[in-house]
């Protein structure tokens, strides 16, 4: 029976990384555009959570910049900050929903996006990390 070495795991790891990253950045990009455009559904949701409408423009801009940072080559430290911002965004949304008694059904997608963000961060290749592991 053939054993998979480090290189044998590289392709599935890269596929998992890019799949998670694509989903996270797509949600950030589309969600950011919706925030900046202040579409009625999003505006009503944010108002119900207790945030002012102008918060959407700020949040939407940061989401789109975060998506760009995660996709751009290089700039590992910027990616670390983007991942932190994404986790703050999703965890803040979860807490806001819980604190205001908003529809609990909204928690499932937020929790899934939080998990995908952690998967993307943990599987990122060495070229996208601030501290690269020494070669064996």
C-alpha atoms as a PDB file:
ATOM      1  CA  UNK A   1       0.000   0.000   0.000  1.00  0.00           C
ATOM      2  CA  UNK A   2       1.342   3.401  -0.972  1.00  0.00           C
ATOM      3  CA  UNK A   3       1.717   6.013   1.747  1.00  0.00           C
ATOM      4  CA  UNK A   4       1.017   9.645   1.054  1.00  0.00           C
ATOM      5  CA  UNK A   5       3.849  11.926   1.974  1.00  0.00           C
ATOM      6  CA  UNK A   6       3.708  15.679   2.431  1.00  0.00           C
ATOM      7  CA  UNK A   7       3.474  16.259  -1.309  1.00  0.00           C
ATOM      8  CA  UNK A   8       0.578  13.785  -1.599  1.00  0.00           C
ATOM      9  CA  UNK A   9      -1.495  15.957   0.722  1.00  0.00           C
ATOM     10  CA  UNK A  10      -0.634  19.212  -1.030  1.00  0.00           C
ATOM     11  CA  UNK A  11      -3.338  19.020  -3.709  1.00  0.00           C
ATOM     12  CA  UNK A  12      -6.323  18.260  -1.393  1.00  0.00           C
ATOM     13  CA  UNK A  13      -5.072  20.886   1.059  1.00  0.00           C
ATOM     14  CA  UNK A  14      -4.795  23.493  -1.692  1.00  0.00           C
ATOM     15  CA  UNK A  15      -8.254  22.572  -2.988  1.00  0.00           C
ATOM     16  CA  UNK A  16      -9.759  22.901   0.502  1.00  0.00           C
ATOM     17  CA  UNK A  17      -7.951  26.214   1.046  1.00  0.00           C
ATOM     18  CA  UNK A  18      -9.090  27.736  -2.235  1.00  0.00           C
ATOM     19  CA  UNK A  19     -12.641  26.416  -1.868  1.00  0.00           C
ATOM     20  CA  UNK A  20     -13.019  27.943   1.601  1.00  0.00           C
ATOM     21  CA  UNK A  21     -11.279  31.156   0.550  1.00  0.00           C
ATOM     22  CA  UNK A  22     -13.457  31.493  -2.566  1.00  0.00           C
ATOM     23  CA  UNK A  23     -16.639  31.142  -0.516  1.00  0.00           C
ATOM     24  CA  UNK A  24     -15.469  33.616   2.130  1.00  0.00           C
ATOM     25  CA  UNK A  25     -14.281  36.212  -0.377  1.00  0.00           C
ATOM     26  CA  UNK A  26     -17.417  35.825  -2.501  1.00  0.00           C
ATOM     27  CA  UNK A  27     -19.612  36.451   0.535  1.00  0.00           C
ATOM     28  CA  UNK A  28     -17.468  39.401   1.577  1.00  0.00           C
ATOM     29  CA  UNK A  29     -17.534  40.909  -1.915  1.00  0.00           C
ATOM     30  CA  UNK A  30     -21.239  40.416  -2.589  1.00  0.00           C
ATOM     31  CA  UNK A  31     -22.177  41.270   0.999  1.00  0.00           C
ATOM     32  CA  UNK A  32     -19.979  44.345   0.892  1.00  0.00           C
ATOM     33  CA  UNK A  33     -21.627  45.557  -2.297  1.00  0.00           C
ATOM     34  CA  UNK A  34     -25.055  44.998  -0.747  1.00  0.00           C
ATOM     35  CA  UNK A  35     -23.978  46.921   2.326  1.00  0.00           C
ATOM     36  CA  UNK A  36     -22.623  49.885   0.365  1.00  0.00           C
ATOM     37  CA  UNK A  37     -25.742  49.940  -1.831  1.00  0.00           C
ATOM     38  CA  UNK A  38     -27.831  49.794   1.359  1.00  0.00           C
ATOM     39  CA  UNK A  39     -30.318  47.405  -0.179  1.00  0.00           C
ATOM     40  CA  UNK A  40     -33.562  47.482   1.815  1.00  0.00           C
ATOM     41  CA  UNK A  41     -33.293  43.968   3.285  1.00  0.00           C
ATOM     42  CA  UNK A  42     -29.778  44.593   4.594  1.00  0.00           C
ATOM     43  CA  UNK A  43     -30.597  48.113   5.779  1.00  0.00           C
ATOM     44  CA  UNK A  44     -33.643  46.845   7.696  1.00  0.00           C
ATOM     45  CA  UNK A  45     -31.631  44.009   9.236  1.00  0.00           C
ATOM     46  CA  UNK A  46     -28.862  46.320  10.431  1.00  0.00           C
ATOM     47  CA  UNK A  47     -31.369  48.843  11.783  1.00  0.00           C
ATOM     48  CA  UNK A  48     -33.185  46.066  13.658  1.00  0.00           C
ATOM     49  CA  UNK A  49     -29.859  44.993  15.179  1.00  0.00           C
ATOM     50  CA  UNK A  50     -29.455  48.546  16.523  1.00  0.00           C
ATOM     51  CA  UNK A  51     -26.822  49.929  14.177  1.00  0.00           C
ATOM     52  CA  UNK A  52     -27.163  53.220  12.286  1.00  0.00           C
ATOM     53  CA  UNK A  53     -27.636  53.011   8.499  1.00  0.00           C
ATOM     54  CA  UNK A  54     -24.289  54.722   7.785  1.00  0.00           C
ATOM     55  CA  UNK A  55     -22.587  51.734   9.439  1.00  0.00           C
ATOM     56  CA  UNK A  56     -23.417  49.710   6.313  1.00  0.00           C
ATOM     57  CA  UNK A  57     -21.198  51.836   4.084  1.00  0.00           C
ATOM     58  CA  UNK A  58     -18.263  51.528   6.462  1.00  0.00           C
ATOM     59  CA  UNK A  59     -18.763  47.799   6.946  1.00  0.00           C
ATOM     60  CA  UNK A  60     -19.290  47.203   3.227  1.00  0.00           C
ATOM     61  CA  UNK A  61     -16.077  48.999   2.284  1.00  0.00           C
ATOM     62  CA  UNK A  62     -14.099  47.007   4.844  1.00  0.00           C
ATOM     63  CA  UNK A  63     -15.629  43.737   3.604  1.00  0.00           C
ATOM     64  CA  UNK A  64     -14.656  44.443   0.001  1.00  0.00           C
ATOM     65  CA  UNK A  65     -11.145  45.507   1.001  1.00  0.00           C
ATOM     66  CA  UNK A  66     -10.835  42.335   3.109  1.00  0.00           C
ATOM     67  CA  UNK A  67     -11.867  40.166   0.158  1.00  0.00           C
ATOM     68  CA  UNK A  68      -9.284  41.873  -2.043  1.00  0.00           C
ATOM     69  CA  UNK A  69      -6.573  41.416   0.595  1.00  0.00           C
ATOM     70  CA  UNK A  70      -7.315  37.700   0.959  1.00  0.00           C
ATOM     71  CA  UNK A  71      -7.150  37.130  -2.801  1.00  0.00           C
ATOM     72  CA  UNK A  72      -4.165  39.320  -3.658  1.00  0.00           C
ATOM     73  CA  UNK A  73      -0.761  37.648  -3.896  1.00  0.00           C
ATOM     74  CA  UNK A  74       1.811  38.511  -1.232  1.00  0.00           C
ATOM     75  CA  UNK A  75       1.184  40.893   1.663  1.00  0.00           C
ATOM     76  CA  UNK A  76       0.984  38.159   4.312  1.00  0.00           C
ATOM     77  CA  UNK A  77       0.639  40.595   7.213  1.00  0.00           C
ATOM     78  CA  UNK A  78      -2.238  42.369   5.478  1.00  0.00           C
ATOM     79  CA  UNK A  79      -3.937  38.961   5.063  1.00  0.00           C
ATOM     80  CA  UNK A  80      -3.585  38.294   8.806  1.00  0.00           C
ATOM     81  CA  UNK A  81      -5.329  41.589   9.538  1.00  0.00           C
ATOM     82  CA  UNK A  82      -8.016  40.784   6.962  1.00  0.00           C
ATOM     83  CA  UNK A  83      -8.669  37.383   8.545  1.00  0.00           C
ATOM     84  CA  UNK A  84      -8.949  39.057  11.952  1.00  0.00           C
ATOM     85  CA  UNK A  85     -11.392  41.608  10.554  1.00  0.00           C
ATOM     86  CA  UNK A  86     -13.510  38.888   8.957  1.00  0.00           C
ATOM     87  CA  UNK A  87     -13.677  36.992  12.255  1.00  0.00           C
ATOM     88  CA  UNK A  88     -14.636  40.204  14.070  1.00  0.00           C
ATOM     89  CA  UNK A  89     -17.355  40.818  11.485  1.00  0.00           C
ATOM     90  CA  UNK A  90     -18.895  37.346  11.705  1.00  0.00           C
ATOM     91  CA  UNK A  91     -18.570  36.960  15.465  1.00  0.00           C
ATOM     92  CA  UNK A  92     -19.981  40.469  15.944  1.00  0.00           C
ATOM     93  CA  UNK A  93     -22.926  39.578  13.731  1.00  0.00           C
ATOM     94  CA  UNK A  94     -23.550  36.400  15.725  1.00  0.00           C
ATOM     95  CA  UNK A  95     -23.472  38.267  19.045  1.00  0.00           C
ATOM     96  CA  UNK A  96     -25.684  41.046  17.639  1.00  0.00           C
ATOM     97  CA  UNK A  97     -28.272  38.505  16.489  1.00  0.00           C
ATOM     98  CA  UNK A  98     -28.246  36.755  19.859  1.00  0.00           C
ATOM     99  CA  UNK A  99     -28.400  39.998  21.853  1.00  0.00           C
ATOM    100  CA  UNK A 100     -31.372  41.398  19.943  1.00  0.00           C
ATOM    101  CA  UNK A 101     -33.375  38.192  19.714  1.00  0.00           C
ATOM    102  CA  UNK A 102     -33.260  38.274  15.928  1.00  0.00           C
ATOM    103  CA  UNK A 103     -34.180  35.184  13.905  1.00  0.00           C
ATOM    104  CA  UNK A 104     -31.999  32.305  15.076  1.00  0.00           C
ATOM    105  CA  UNK A 105     -32.104  30.870  11.563  1.00  0.00           C
ATOM    106  CA  UNK A 106     -29.653  33.612  10.626  1.00  0.00           C
ATOM    107  CA  UNK A 107     -27.025  32.051  12.908  1.00  0.00           C
ATOM    108  CA  UNK A 108     -26.411  28.992  10.714  1.00  0.00           C
ATOM    109  CA  UNK A 109     -24.969  30.914   7.736  1.00  0.00           C
ATOM    110  CA  UNK A 110     -22.959  33.184  10.039  1.00  0.00           C
ATOM    111  CA  UNK A 111     -21.534  30.185  11.890  1.00  0.00           C
ATOM    112  CA  UNK A 112     -20.737  28.469   8.589  1.00  0.00           C
ATOM    113  CA  UNK A 113     -18.927  31.557   7.296  1.00  0.00           C
ATOM    114  CA  UNK A 114     -16.976  31.790  10.548  1.00  0.00           C
ATOM    115  CA  UNK A 115     -15.933  28.141  10.193  1.00  0.00           C
ATOM    116  CA  UNK A 116     -14.956  28.645   6.533  1.00  0.00           C
ATOM    117  CA  UNK A 117     -12.839  31.636   7.547  1.00  0.00           C
ATOM    118  CA  UNK A 118     -10.999  29.509  10.121  1.00  0.00           C
ATOM    119  CA  UNK A 119     -10.515  26.747   7.525  1.00  0.00           C
ATOM    120  CA  UNK A 120      -9.129  29.240   5.001  1.00  0.00           C
ATOM    121  CA  UNK A 121      -6.779  30.758   7.581  1.00  0.00           C
ATOM    122  CA  UNK A 122      -5.529  27.409   8.884  1.00  0.00           C
ATOM    123  CA  UNK A 123      -4.917  25.897   5.431  1.00  0.00           C
ATOM    124  CA  UNK A 124      -3.272  28.917   3.809  1.00  0.00           C
ATOM    125  CA  UNK A 125      -0.023  28.062   2.034  1.00  0.00           C
ATOM    126  CA  UNK A 126       3.355  29.164   3.404  1.00  0.00           C
ATOM    127  CA  UNK A 127       3.536  32.000   0.846  1.00  0.00           C
ATOM    128  CA  UNK A 128       0.457  33.533   2.474  1.00  0.00           C
ATOM    129  CA  UNK A 129       1.731  33.263   6.074  1.00  0.00           C
ATOM    130  CA  UNK A 130       3.679  35.809   8.048  1.00  0.00           C
ATOM    131  CA  UNK A 131       6.049  33.182   9.465  1.00  0.00           C
ATOM    132  CA  UNK A 132       7.006  30.504   7.014  1.00  0.00           C
ATOM    133  CA  UNK A 133       7.777  27.079   8.404  1.00  0.00           C
ATOM    134  CA  UNK A 134      11.311  25.885   7.869  1.00  0.00           C
ATOM    135  CA  UNK A 135      11.703  23.307   5.119  1.00  0.00           C
ATOM    136  CA  UNK A 136      12.243  19.728   6.379  1.00  0.00           C
END
